[in-house]
Protein backbone atom coordinates (compact mmCIF):
# COMPACT_ATOMS: atom_id res chain seq x y z
CA UNK A 1 76.62 142.25 4.98
CA UNK A 2 72.22 140.75 4.88
CA UNK A 3 71.13 143.59 7.36
CA UNK A 4 72.46 146.31 5.39
CA UNK A 5 70.92 144.97 2.81
CA UNK A 6 67.14 145.09 4.27
CA UNK A 7 67.92 149.28 5.47
CA UNK A 8 68.74 150.37 2.12
CA UNK A 9 65.27 148.51 1.10
CA UNK A 10 64.01 150.17 3.73
CA UNK A 11 64.92 153.51 3.19
CA UNK A 12 63.90 153.19 -0.89
CA UNK A 13 60.97 152.31 0.46
CA UNK A 14 60.39 155.14 2.44
CA UNK A 15 61.05 157.86 -0.01
CA UNK A 16 58.55 156.17 -1.79
CA UNK A 17 56.30 157.99 0.89
CA UNK A 18 56.85 161.43 0.80
CA UNK A 19 55.01 164.07 -1.28
CA UNK A 20 57.04 167.71 -1.27
CA UNK A 21 59.73 167.03 -4.07
CA UNK A 22 62.46 166.63 -2.17
CA UNK A 23 64.39 168.68 -4.81
CA UNK A 24 62.17 171.70 -3.65
CA UNK A 25 63.21 171.16 0.06
CA UNK A 26 66.75 170.58 -0.73
CA UNK A 27 66.08 174.17 -2.12
CA UNK A 28 64.39 175.84 0.92
CA UNK A 29 67.52 174.69 3.18
CA UNK A 30 70.29 175.12 1.44
CA UNK A 31 68.88 178.95 1.18
CA UNK A 32 69.92 179.31 4.54
CA UNK A 33 73.38 180.78 5.40
CA UNK A 34 74.29 178.91 7.34
CA UNK A 35 73.88 175.21 5.81
CA UNK A 36 77.17 174.20 3.53
CA UNK A 37 75.95 170.39 2.61
CA UNK A 38 72.81 168.44 3.70
CA UNK A 39 72.67 165.19 4.73
CA UNK A 40 70.38 162.64 2.89
CA UNK A 41 68.52 161.22 5.90
CA UNK A 42 68.85 164.34 7.35
CA UNK A 43 66.83 165.81 3.47
CA UNK A 44 64.67 162.50 3.63
CA UNK A 45 63.28 163.52 7.49
CA UNK A 46 62.96 167.39 7.07
CA UNK A 47 60.45 166.23 3.94
CA UNK A 48 58.87 163.58 6.36
CA UNK A 49 58.52 165.92 9.03
CA UNK A 50 57.31 168.93 6.87
CA UNK A 51 54.89 166.20 5.58
CA UNK A 52 53.40 165.78 9.06
CA UNK A 53 53.50 168.56 9.83
CA UNK A 54 51.30 170.06 7.66
CA UNK A 55 48.80 166.86 7.76
CA UNK A 56 48.35 168.07 11.53
CA UNK A 57 47.46 171.38 11.14
CA UNK A 58 45.46 170.19 7.69
CA UNK A 59 43.49 167.42 10.18
CA UNK A 60 43.34 170.16 13.47
CA UNK A 61 41.88 173.43 11.05
CA UNK A 62 39.32 171.16 9.25
CA UNK A 63 38.20 169.49 13.19
CA UNK A 64 37.98 172.45 14.71
CA UNK A 65 36.41 174.31 11.35
CA UNK A 66 33.55 174.67 9.50
CA UNK A 67 34.93 172.14 7.19
CA UNK A 68 32.94 169.09 8.31
CA UNK A 69 30.37 170.46 7.65
CA UNK A 70 30.48 171.53 3.92
CA UNK A 71 33.59 169.20 3.97
CA UNK A 72 36.39 171.55 2.34
CA UNK A 73 39.31 173.43 3.89
CA UNK A 74 39.62 177.69 3.78
CA UNK A 75 41.66 179.58 4.59
CA UNK A 76 40.00 181.08 8.15
CA UNK A 77 40.52 177.84 8.91
CA UNK A 78 43.92 177.27 9.42
CA UNK A 79 44.26 181.42 10.81
CA UNK A 80 41.69 180.98 13.47
CA UNK A 81 44.01 177.38 14.08
CA UNK A 82 46.87 179.57 14.66
CA UNK A 83 45.38 181.73 16.32
CA UNK A 84 43.28 179.72 19.05
CA UNK A 85 45.68 176.89 19.49
CA UNK A 86 49.26 176.91 21.19
CA UNK A 87 50.91 174.95 18.88
CA UNK A 88 50.04 176.76 15.81
CA UNK A 89 50.39 180.38 18.31
CA UNK A 90 54.04 180.74 16.01
CA UNK A 91 52.33 180.44 12.60
CA UNK A 92 49.58 183.36 13.61
CA UNK A 93 52.05 186.30 11.42
CA UNK A 94 52.02 184.08 8.93
CA UNK A 95 48.44 182.82 8.23
CA UNK A 96 46.64 185.99 9.87
CA UNK A 97 43.30 186.49 9.94
CA UNK A 98 41.59 187.70 7.37
CA UNK A 99 39.75 191.37 7.12
CA UNK A 100 37.97 193.78 5.04
CA UNK A 101 39.32 196.42 4.61
CA UNK A 102 36.59 199.26 6.03
CA UNK A 103 37.02 197.52 9.41
CA UNK A 104 40.46 197.58 9.09
CA UNK A 105 39.98 201.71 8.58
CA UNK A 106 37.87 201.94 11.12
CA UNK A 107 39.51 200.14 13.56
CA UNK A 108 42.16 202.53 12.95
CA UNK A 109 40.12 205.38 13.57
CA UNK A 110 39.08 204.44 16.56
CA UNK A 111 42.72 204.29 17.95
CA UNK A 112 43.68 207.12 16.73
CA UNK A 113 40.15 208.14 18.68
CA UNK A 114 41.43 206.74 21.42
CA UNK A 115 44.94 208.13 21.03
CA UNK A 116 43.39 211.95 21.38
CA UNK A 117 41.89 211.87 24.61
């Protein structure tokens, strides 16, 4: 019985170590049609895993990007990490590199010229 009480204390103190709002995580999880109910442990673990993943992505992007020079993390740092790292490759569609409209139009024109040949 004493072990059970200790487990509850650890679980309660662990909830305080999460930065993400549990209610938002639950809302996102429930948005999936396959999910009917969510266990509290699964909710906690999903929130903690998401938090750790975002932290890892940010640290990796900061170290590999221009962040160390000016002590900031930019969108382009995240986009570069998604494009260059195999670990974050699945984010390449979500974090595309920004491109100016004139550069995009020039690329389209070049592709059009190539297809005419």
